[in-house]
Every structure is written in structure tokens, then in C-alpha cells.
Amino acid sequence: MDEEQLVKVYKALGEPTRLKLVKALVSAPQMACQDIAEKLDIQANSTLTHHLKLLTDCGLLVVEKEGTYRYYSLQKDVLKKYAPTLISE
């Protein structure tokens, strides 16, 4: 097990907003930034960007760019490895 990634994943999921974000993406194949902001009621783009960057850096999220839009989806294999209970909820 990669201890560095383990620490990053648990640190990222230890923050309530990021945990809600991951839970929201469990039921959706992918979401755009605007959809995530609306679902989680995040007003500041910089706040959302910060959370998305941390989740992407630890390997939990993948970003797909399409024009000016960015779509985020879960790396389910990483989630299954480090936090399998989130998938079964």
C-alpha cells in the first residue's frame, strides 16, 4: 500500500465539504464545476477549486476538459481501495 497516497486520501476525505463532494460523485458518473457548486451550495469558485484540486492530487478524482468546461469523476478503483464504504452507501 502506498502510504503517501493513503495519507493524502484520508486527509482529503477528513474535511466535510470534500467528503460531501465525493459522496455526490458516487451517484453521478461525472459532474461539471457549476453542478458541484450548486449541489453543495458553494458560493466561492476559489473554495470549490481548492477542494477539487486536493481530491484530484490525491488520486480520487479525474478531470476531463471539454472546451471551457471541466468535468470531474471519481477514480472508483482508488475509492474502493481506501474508502470502500463510501461506494456502498
PDB file of N, CA and C in Angstrom:
ATOM      1  N   MET A   1       0.853  -1.175   0.000  1.00  0.00           N
ATOM      2  CA  MET A   1       0.000   0.000   0.000  1.00  0.00           C
ATOM      3  C   MET A   1       0.896   1.235   0.000  1.00  0.00           C
ATOM      4  N   ASP A   2       0.575   2.182  -0.833  1.00  0.00           N
ATOM      5  CA  ASP A   2       1.343   3.414  -0.934  1.00  0.00           C
ATOM      6  C   ASP A   2       0.940   4.335   0.216  1.00  0.00           C
ATOM      7  N   GLU A   3       1.812   4.436   1.211  1.00  0.00           N
ATOM      8  CA  GLU A   3       1.499   5.198   2.418  1.00  0.00           C
ATOM      9  C   GLU A   3       1.287   6.684   2.141  1.00  0.00           C
ATOM     10  N   GLU A   4       2.049   7.237   1.210  1.00  0.00           N
ATOM     11  CA  GLU A   4       1.902   8.658   0.894  1.00  0.00           C
ATOM     12  C   GLU A   4       0.513   8.946   0.321  1.00  0.00           C
ATOM     13  N   GLN A   5       0.061   8.096  -0.608  1.00  0.00           N
ATOM     14  CA  GLN A   5      -1.269   8.286  -1.172  1.00  0.00           C
ATOM     15  C   GLN A   5      -2.340   8.036  -0.112  1.00  0.00           C
ATOM     16  N   LEU A   6      -2.132   7.051   0.735  1.00  0.00           N
ATOM     17  CA  LEU A   6      -3.061   6.753   1.816  1.00  0.00           C
ATOM     18  C   LEU A   6      -3.278   7.988   2.694  1.00  0.00           C
ATOM     19  N   VAL A   7      -2.199   8.640   3.087  1.00  0.00           N
ATOM     20  CA  VAL A   7      -2.290   9.835   3.922  1.00  0.00           C
ATOM     21  C   VAL A   7      -3.027  10.946   3.182  1.00  0.00           C
ATOM     22  N   LYS A   8      -2.701  11.148   1.916  1.00  0.00           N
ATOM     23  CA  LYS A   8      -3.359  12.199   1.128  1.00  0.00           C
ATOM     24  C   LYS A   8      -4.858  11.953   0.997  1.00  0.00           C
ATOM     25  N   VAL A   9      -5.236  10.707   0.722  1.00  0.00           N
ATOM     26  CA  VAL A   9      -6.649  10.372   0.554  1.00  0.00           C
ATOM     27  C   VAL A   9      -7.413  10.610   1.850  1.00  0.00           C
ATOM     28  N   TYR A  10      -6.899  10.096   2.964  1.00  0.00           N
ATOM     29  CA  TYR A  10      -7.604  10.257   4.236  1.00  0.00           C
ATOM     30  C   TYR A  10      -7.631  11.712   4.691  1.00  0.00           C
ATOM     31  N   LYS A  11      -6.586  12.441   4.413  1.00  0.00           N
ATOM     32  CA  LYS A  11      -6.555  13.862   4.750  1.00  0.00           C
ATOM     33  C   LYS A  11      -7.608  14.615   3.926  1.00  0.00           C
ATOM     34  N   ALA A  12      -7.703  14.278   2.652  1.00  0.00           N
ATOM     35  CA  ALA A  12      -8.690  14.921   1.781  1.00  0.00           C
ATOM     36  C   ALA A  12     -10.110  14.589   2.219  1.00  0.00           C
ATOM     37  N   LEU A  13     -10.363  13.334   2.559  1.00  0.00           N
ATOM     38  CA  LEU A  13     -11.707  12.922   2.954  1.00  0.00           C
ATOM     39  C   LEU A  13     -12.059  13.356   4.378  1.00  0.00           C
ATOM     40  N   GLY A  14     -11.073  13.807   5.136  1.00  0.00           N
ATOM     41  CA  GLY A  14     -11.308  14.245   6.508  1.00  0.00           C
ATOM     42  C   GLY A  14     -11.986  15.600   6.614  1.00  0.00           C
ATOM     43  N   GLU A  15     -12.120  16.294   5.510  1.00  0.00           N
ATOM     44  CA  GLU A  15     -12.774  17.605   5.502  1.00  0.00           C
ATOM     45  C   GLU A  15     -14.218  17.411   5.032  1.00  0.00           C
ATOM     46  N   PRO A  16     -15.219  17.907   5.770  1.00  0.00           N
ATOM     47  CA  PRO A  16     -16.630  17.631   5.468  1.00  0.00           C
ATOM     48  C   PRO A  16     -17.087  17.993   4.050  1.00  0.00           C
ATOM     49  N   THR A  17     -16.650  19.119   3.524  1.00  0.00           N
ATOM     50  CA  THR A  17     -17.081  19.515   2.178  1.00  0.00           C
ATOM     51  C   THR A  17     -16.540  18.554   1.130  1.00  0.00           C
ATOM     52  N   ARG A  18     -15.300  18.145   1.268  1.00  0.00           N
ATOM     53  CA  ARG A  18     -14.718  17.213   0.297  1.00  0.00           C
ATOM     54  C   ARG A  18     -15.382  15.842   0.404  1.00  0.00           C
ATOM     55  N   LEU A  19     -15.717  15.433   1.603  1.00  0.00           N
ATOM     56  CA  LEU A  19     -16.425  14.161   1.783  1.00  0.00           C
ATOM     57  C   LEU A  19     -17.792  14.219   1.099  1.00  0.00           C
ATOM     58  N   LYS A  20     -18.514  15.328   1.253  1.00  0.00           N
ATOM     59  CA  LYS A  20     -19.813  15.502   0.587  1.00  0.00           C
ATOM     60  C   LYS A  20     -19.643  15.490  -0.927  1.00  0.00           C
ATOM     61  N   LEU A  21     -18.576  16.116  -1.396  1.00  0.00           N
ATOM     62  CA  LEU A  21     -18.306  16.163  -2.831  1.00  0.00           C
ATOM     63  C   LEU A  21     -18.096  14.760  -3.392  1.00  0.00           C
ATOM     64  N   VAL A  22     -17.314  13.957  -2.697  1.00  0.00           N
ATOM     65  CA  VAL A  22     -17.067  12.581  -3.141  1.00  0.00           C
ATOM     66  C   VAL A  22     -18.371  11.787  -3.104  1.00  0.00           C
ATOM     67  N   LYS A  23     -19.159  11.942  -2.062  1.00  0.00           N
ATOM     68  CA  LYS A  23     -20.438  11.238  -1.972  1.00  0.00           C
ATOM     69  C   LYS A  23     -21.377  11.646  -3.106  1.00  0.00           C
ATOM     70  N   ALA A  24     -21.358  12.918  -3.486  1.00  0.00           N
ATOM     71  CA  ALA A  24     -22.192  13.384  -4.596  1.00  0.00           C
ATOM     72  C   ALA A  24     -21.766  12.736  -5.906  1.00  0.00           C
ATOM     73  N   LEU A  25     -20.464  12.544  -6.076  1.00  0.00           N
ATOM     74  CA  LEU A  25     -19.960  11.955  -7.312  1.00  0.00           C
ATOM     75  C   LEU A  25     -20.116  10.432  -7.359  1.00  0.00           C
ATOM     76  N   VAL A  26     -20.378   9.808  -6.225  1.00  0.00           N
ATOM     77  CA  VAL A  26     -20.599   8.360  -6.223  1.00  0.00           C
ATOM     78  C   VAL A  26     -21.842   8.025  -7.050  1.00  0.00           C
ATOM     79  N   SER A  27     -22.862   8.867  -6.953  1.00  0.00           N
ATOM     80  CA  SER A  27     -24.114   8.590  -7.659  1.00  0.00           C
ATOM     81  C   SER A  27     -24.183   9.203  -9.054  1.00  0.00           C
ATOM     82  N   ALA A  28     -23.213  10.027  -9.406  1.00  0.00           N
ATOM     83  CA  ALA A  28     -23.194  10.652 -10.734  1.00  0.00           C
ATOM     84  C   ALA A  28     -21.924  10.227 -11.463  1.00  0.00           C
ATOM     85  N   PRO A  29     -22.036   9.852 -12.731  1.00  0.00           N
ATOM     86  CA  PRO A  29     -20.834   9.434 -13.457  1.00  0.00           C
ATOM     87  C   PRO A  29     -19.803  10.554 -13.581  1.00  0.00           C
ATOM     88  N   GLN A  30     -20.281  11.783 -13.776  1.00  0.00           N
ATOM     89  CA  GLN A  30     -19.390  12.941 -13.807  1.00  0.00           C
ATOM     90  C   GLN A  30     -20.223  14.192 -13.589  1.00  0.00           C
ATOM     91  N   MET A  31     -19.570  15.228 -13.100  1.00  0.00           N
ATOM     92  CA  MET A  31     -20.257  16.490 -12.848  1.00  0.00           C
ATOM     93  C   MET A  31     -19.362  17.650 -13.237  1.00  0.00           C
ATOM     94  N   ALA A  32     -19.998  18.705 -13.746  1.00  0.00           N
ATOM     95  CA  ALA A  32     -19.272  19.936 -14.060  1.00  0.00           C
ATOM     96  C   ALA A  32     -19.121  20.754 -12.780  1.00  0.00           C
ATOM     97  N   CYS A  33     -18.163  21.657 -12.778  1.00  0.00           N
ATOM     98  CA  CYS A  33     -17.914  22.502 -11.600  1.00  0.00           C
ATOM     99  C   CYS A  33     -19.184  23.215 -11.138  1.00  0.00           C
ATOM    100  N   GLN A  34     -19.926  23.775 -12.081  1.00  0.00           N
ATOM    101  CA  GLN A  34     -21.142  24.517 -11.745  1.00  0.00           C
ATOM    102  C   GLN A  34     -22.156  23.620 -11.046  1.00  0.00           C
ATOM    103  N   ASP A  35     -22.299  22.394 -11.525  1.00  0.00           N
ATOM    104  CA  ASP A  35     -23.239  21.455 -10.912  1.00  0.00           C
ATOM    105  C   ASP A  35     -22.809  21.093  -9.489  1.00  0.00           C
ATOM    106  N   ILE A  36     -21.513  20.903  -9.298  1.00  0.00           N
ATOM    107  CA  ILE A  36     -20.988  20.586  -7.970  1.00  0.00           C
ATOM    108  C   ILE A  36     -21.221  21.755  -7.026  1.00  0.00           C
ATOM    109  N   ALA A  37     -20.951  22.970  -7.495  1.00  0.00           N
ATOM    110  CA  ALA A  37     -21.131  24.167  -6.666  1.00  0.00           C
ATOM    111  C   ALA A  37     -22.592  24.318  -6.242  1.00  0.00           C
ATOM    112  N   GLU A  38     -23.511  24.075  -7.162  1.00  0.00           N
ATOM    113  CA  GLU A  38     -24.939  24.181  -6.846  1.00  0.00           C
ATOM    114  C   GLU A  38     -25.374  23.093  -5.869  1.00  0.00           C
ATOM    115  N   LYS A  39     -24.934  21.877  -6.107  1.00  0.00           N
ATOM    116  CA  LYS A  39     -25.344  20.756  -5.253  1.00  0.00           C
ATOM    117  C   LYS A  39     -24.848  20.922  -3.823  1.00  0.00           C
ATOM    118  N   LEU A  40     -23.608  21.423  -3.666  1.00  0.00           N
ATOM    119  CA  LEU A  40     -23.019  21.570  -2.336  1.00  0.00           C
ATOM    120  C   LEU A  40     -23.184  22.980  -1.766  1.00  0.00           C
ATOM    121  N   ASP A  41     -23.840  23.869  -2.519  1.00  0.00           N
ATOM    122  CA  ASP A  41     -24.069  25.250  -2.106  1.00  0.00           C
ATOM    123  C   ASP A  41     -22.757  25.956  -1.752  1.00  0.00           C
ATOM    124  N   ILE A  42     -21.801  25.875  -2.677  1.00  0.00           N
ATOM    125  CA  ILE A  42     -20.514  26.556  -2.524  1.00  0.00           C
ATOM    126  C   ILE A  42     -20.576  27.828  -3.361  1.00  0.00           C
ATOM    127  N   GLN A  43     -20.422  28.969  -2.704  1.00  0.00           N
ATOM    128  CA  GLN A  43     -20.556  30.252  -3.384  1.00  0.00           C
ATOM    129  C   GLN A  43     -19.268  30.704  -4.080  1.00  0.00           C
ATOM    130  N   ALA A  44     -18.129  30.471  -3.461  1.00  0.00           N
ATOM    131  CA  ALA A  44     -16.857  30.977  -3.990  1.00  0.00           C
ATOM    132  C   ALA A  44     -16.191  29.940  -4.893  1.00  0.00           C
ATOM    133  N   ASN A  45     -15.884  30.332  -6.117  1.00  0.00           N
ATOM    134  CA  ASN A  45     -15.204  29.433  -7.052  1.00  0.00           C
ATOM    135  C   ASN A  45     -13.840  29.002  -6.529  1.00  0.00           C
ATOM    136  N   SER A  46     -13.165  29.903  -5.827  1.00  0.00           N
ATOM    137  CA  SER A  46     -11.837  29.563  -5.318  1.00  0.00           C
ATOM    138  C   SER A  46     -11.918  28.444  -4.274  1.00  0.00           C
ATOM    139  N   THR A  47     -12.966  28.436  -3.492  1.00  0.00           N
ATOM    140  CA  THR A  47     -13.159  27.377  -2.494  1.00  0.00           C
ATOM    141  C   THR A  47     -13.369  26.042  -3.183  1.00  0.00           C
ATOM    142  N   LEU A  48     -14.242  26.028  -4.183  1.00  0.00           N
ATOM    143  CA  LEU A  48     -14.513  24.793  -4.919  1.00  0.00           C
ATOM    144  C   LEU A  48     -13.253  24.307  -5.628  1.00  0.00           C
ATOM    145  N   THR A  49     -12.535  25.218  -6.258  1.00  0.00           N
ATOM    146  CA  THR A  49     -11.304  24.864  -6.964  1.00  0.00           C
ATOM    147  C   THR A  49     -10.293  24.239  -6.005  1.00  0.00           C
ATOM    148  N   HIS A  50     -10.187  24.792  -4.818  1.00  0.00           N
ATOM    149  CA  HIS A  50      -9.262  24.262  -3.803  1.00  0.00           C
ATOM    150  C   HIS A  50      -9.626  22.818  -3.445  1.00  0.00           C
ATOM    151  N   HIS A  51     -10.904  22.568  -3.180  1.00  0.00           N
ATOM    152  CA  HIS A  51     -11.346  21.222  -2.819  1.00  0.00           C
ATOM    153  C   HIS A  51     -11.126  20.238  -3.968  1.00  0.00           C
ATOM    154  N   LEU A  52     -11.459  20.651  -5.180  1.00  0.00           N
ATOM    155  CA  LEU A  52     -11.292  19.774  -6.343  1.00  0.00           C
ATOM    156  C   LEU A  52      -9.823  19.459  -6.597  1.00  0.00           C
ATOM    157  N   LYS A  53      -8.948  20.444  -6.401  1.00  0.00           N
ATOM    158  CA  LYS A  53      -7.519  20.217  -6.609  1.00  0.00           C
ATOM    159  C   LYS A  53      -6.983  19.185  -5.620  1.00  0.00           C
ATOM    160  N   LEU A  54      -7.348  19.302  -4.357  1.00  0.00           N
ATOM    161  CA  LEU A  54      -6.873  18.347  -3.355  1.00  0.00           C
ATOM    162  C   LEU A  54      -7.364  16.930  -3.654  1.00  0.00           C
ATOM    163  N   LEU A  55      -8.609  16.817  -4.070  1.00  0.00           N
ATOM    164  CA  LEU A  55      -9.157  15.493  -4.397  1.00  0.00           C
ATOM    165  C   LEU A  55      -8.532  14.919  -5.664  1.00  0.00           C
ATOM    166  N   THR A  56      -8.193  15.773  -6.600  1.00  0.00           N
ATOM    167  CA  THR A  56      -7.529  15.326  -7.824  1.00  0.00           C
ATOM    168  C   THR A  56      -6.087  14.927  -7.530  1.00  0.00           C
ATOM    169  N   ASP A  57      -5.402  15.733  -6.727  1.00  0.00           N
ATOM    170  CA  ASP A  57      -3.994  15.462  -6.398  1.00  0.00           C
ATOM    171  C   ASP A  57      -3.808  14.149  -5.646  1.00  0.00           C
ATOM    172  N   CYS A  58      -4.777  13.763  -4.832  1.00  0.00           N
ATOM    173  CA  CYS A  58      -4.628  12.509  -4.079  1.00  0.00           C
ATOM    174  C   CYS A  58      -5.088  11.302  -4.895  1.00  0.00           C
ATOM    175  N   GLY A  59      -5.624  11.543  -6.094  1.00  0.00           N
ATOM    176  CA  GLY A  59      -5.991  10.448  -6.976  1.00  0.00           C
ATOM    177  C   GLY A  59      -7.444  10.024  -6.916  1.00  0.00           C
ATOM    178  N   LEU A  60      -8.265  10.725  -6.137  1.00  0.00           N
ATOM    179  CA  LEU A  60      -9.673  10.342  -6.035  1.00  0.00           C
ATOM    180  C   LEU A  60     -10.515  10.827  -7.212  1.00  0.00           C
ATOM    181  N   LEU A  61     -10.118  11.937  -7.832  1.00  0.00           N
ATOM    182  CA  LEU A  61     -10.881  12.492  -8.945  1.00  0.00           C
ATOM    183  C   LEU A  61     -10.051  12.546 -10.221  1.00  0.00           C
ATOM    184  N   VAL A  62     -10.760  12.492 -11.325  1.00  0.00           N
ATOM    185  CA  VAL A  62     -10.167  12.676 -12.644  1.00  0.00           C
ATOM    186  C   VAL A  62     -10.902  13.840 -13.282  1.00  0.00           C
ATOM    187  N   VAL A  63     -10.168  14.720 -13.922  1.00  0.00           N
ATOM    188  CA  VAL A  63     -10.781  15.860 -14.600  1.00  0.00           C
ATOM    189  C   VAL A  63     -10.682  15.659 -16.108  1.00  0.00           C
ATOM    190  N   GLU A  64     -11.775  15.959 -16.770  1.00  0.00           N
ATOM    191  CA  GLU A  64     -11.833  15.873 -18.230  1.00  0.00           C
ATOM    192  C   GLU A  64     -12.223  17.250 -18.740  1.00  0.00           C
ATOM    193  N   LYS A  65     -11.377  17.831 -19.578  1.00  0.00           N
ATOM    194  CA  LYS A  65     -11.637  19.165 -20.105  1.00  0.00           C
ATOM    195  C   LYS A  65     -12.354  19.043 -21.438  1.00  0.00           C
ATOM    196  N   GLU A  66     -13.417  19.832 -21.559  1.00  0.00           N
ATOM    197  CA  GLU A  66     -14.196  19.857 -22.793  1.00  0.00           C
ATOM    198  C   GLU A  66     -14.511  21.319 -23.093  1.00  0.00           C
ATOM    199  N   GLY A  67     -13.727  21.929 -23.959  1.00  0.00           N
ATOM    200  CA  GLY A  67     -13.879  23.359 -24.219  1.00  0.00           C
ATOM    201  C   GLY A  67     -13.493  24.136 -22.973  1.00  0.00           C
ATOM    202  N   THR A  68     -14.397  24.997 -22.521  1.00  0.00           N
ATOM    203  CA  THR A  68     -14.127  25.763 -21.302  1.00  0.00           C
ATOM    204  C   THR A  68     -14.656  25.068 -20.054  1.00  0.00           C
ATOM    205  N   TYR A  69     -15.284  23.923 -20.221  1.00  0.00           N
ATOM    206  CA  TYR A  69     -15.846  23.192 -19.084  1.00  0.00           C
ATOM    207  C   TYR A  69     -14.881  22.123 -18.593  1.00  0.00           C
ATOM    208  N   ARG A  70     -14.983  21.857 -17.307  1.00  0.00           N
ATOM    209  CA  ARG A  70     -14.220  20.770 -16.695  1.00  0.00           C
ATOM    210  C   ARG A  70     -15.224  19.844 -16.021  1.00  0.00           C
ATOM    211  N   TYR A  71     -15.103  18.582 -16.327  1.00  0.00           N
ATOM    212  CA  TYR A  71     -15.985  17.578 -15.742  1.00  0.00           C
ATOM    213  C   TYR A  71     -15.166  16.669 -14.826  1.00  0.00           C
ATOM    214  N   TYR A  72     -15.693  16.442 -13.653  1.00  0.00           N
ATOM    215  CA  TYR A  72     -14.995  15.633 -12.653  1.00  0.00           C
ATOM    216  C   TYR A  72     -15.720  14.316 -12.446  1.00  0.00           C
ATOM    217  N   SER A  73     -14.940  13.268 -12.304  1.00  0.00           N
ATOM    218  CA  SER A  73     -15.496  11.948 -11.998  1.00  0.00           C
ATOM    219  C   SER A  73     -14.566  11.248 -11.018  1.00  0.00           C
ATOM    220  N   LEU A  74     -15.122  10.263 -10.338  1.00  0.00           N
ATOM    221  CA  LEU A  74     -14.358   9.522  -9.333  1.00  0.00           C
ATOM    222  C   LEU A  74     -13.457   8.484  -9.964  1.00  0.00           C
ATOM    223  N   GLN A  75     -12.321   8.275  -9.355  1.00  0.00           N
ATOM    224  CA  GLN A  75     -11.466   7.132  -9.662  1.00  0.00           C
ATOM    225  C   GLN A  75     -11.953   6.037  -8.719  1.00  0.00           C
ATOM    226  N   LYS A  76     -12.909   5.263  -9.174  1.00  0.00           N
ATOM    227  CA  LYS A  76     -13.557   4.296  -8.282  1.00  0.00           C
ATOM    228  C   LYS A  76     -12.596   3.238  -7.751  1.00  0.00           C
ATOM    229  N   ASP A  77     -11.571   2.903  -8.517  1.00  0.00           N
ATOM    230  CA  ASP A  77     -10.615   1.910  -8.010  1.00  0.00           C
ATOM    231  C   ASP A  77      -9.843   2.451  -6.805  1.00  0.00           C
ATOM    232  N   VAL A  78      -9.517   3.743  -6.811  1.00  0.00           N
ATOM    233  CA  VAL A  78      -8.840   4.361  -5.669  1.00  0.00           C
ATOM    234  C   VAL A  78      -9.798   4.433  -4.481  1.00  0.00           C
ATOM    235  N   LEU A  79     -11.042   4.802  -4.748  1.00  0.00           N
ATOM    236  CA  LEU A  79     -12.036   4.878  -3.682  1.00  0.00           C
ATOM    237  C   LEU A  79     -12.295   3.501  -3.073  1.00  0.00           C
ATOM    238  N   LYS A  80     -12.373   2.481  -3.913  1.00  0.00           N
ATOM    239  CA  LYS A  80     -12.566   1.109  -3.402  1.00  0.00           C
ATOM    240  C   LYS A  80     -11.398   0.665  -2.537  1.00  0.00           C
ATOM    241  N   LYS A  81     -10.214   1.084  -2.909  1.00  0.00           N
ATOM    242  CA  LYS A  81      -9.006   0.678  -2.181  1.00  0.00           C
ATOM    243  C   LYS A  81      -8.915   1.330  -0.806  1.00  0.00           C
ATOM    244  N   TYR A  82      -9.231   2.631  -0.723  1.00  0.00           N
ATOM    245  CA  TYR A  82      -9.008   3.377   0.512  1.00  0.00           C
ATOM    246  C   TYR A  82     -10.280   3.670   1.319  1.00  0.00           C
ATOM    247  N   ALA A  83     -11.431   3.736   0.659  1.00  0.00           N
ATOM    248  CA  ALA A  83     -12.677   4.067   1.367  1.00  0.00           C
ATOM    249  C   ALA A  83     -13.862   3.326   0.741  1.00  0.00           C
ATOM    250  N   PRO A  84     -13.838   1.998   0.772  1.00  0.00           N
ATOM    251  CA  PRO A  84     -14.886   1.224   0.092  1.00  0.00           C
ATOM    252  C   PRO A  84     -16.297   1.453   0.642  1.00  0.00           C
ATOM    253  N   THR A  85     -16.415   1.866   1.886  1.00  0.00           N
ATOM    254  CA  THR A  85     -17.748   2.074   2.444  1.00  0.00           C
ATOM    255  C   THR A  85     -18.474   3.233   1.773  1.00  0.00           C
ATOM    256  N   LEU A  86     -17.752   4.176   1.187  1.00  0.00           N
ATOM    257  CA  LEU A  86     -18.399   5.294   0.505  1.00  0.00           C
ATOM    258  C   LEU A  86     -19.120   4.844  -0.757  1.00  0.00           C
ATOM    259  N   ILE A  87     -18.650   3.805  -1.383  1.00  0.00           N
ATOM    260  CA  ILE A  87     -19.282   3.309  -2.606  1.00  0.00           C
ATOM    261  C   ILE A  87     -20.572   2.554  -2.283  1.00  0.00           C
ATOM    262  N   SER A  88     -20.588   1.861  -1.169  1.00  0.00           N
ATOM    263  CA  SER A  88     -21.755   1.049  -0.834  1.00  0.00           C
ATOM    264  C   SER A  88     -22.874   1.824  -0.151  1.00  0.00           C
ATOM    265  N   GLU A  89     -22.640   3.109   0.155  1.00  0.00           N
ATOM    266  CA  GLU A  89     -23.685   3.901   0.832  1.00  0.00           C
ATOM    267  C   GLU A  89     -24.820   4.221  -0.093  1.00  0.00           C
TER     268      GLU A  89
END
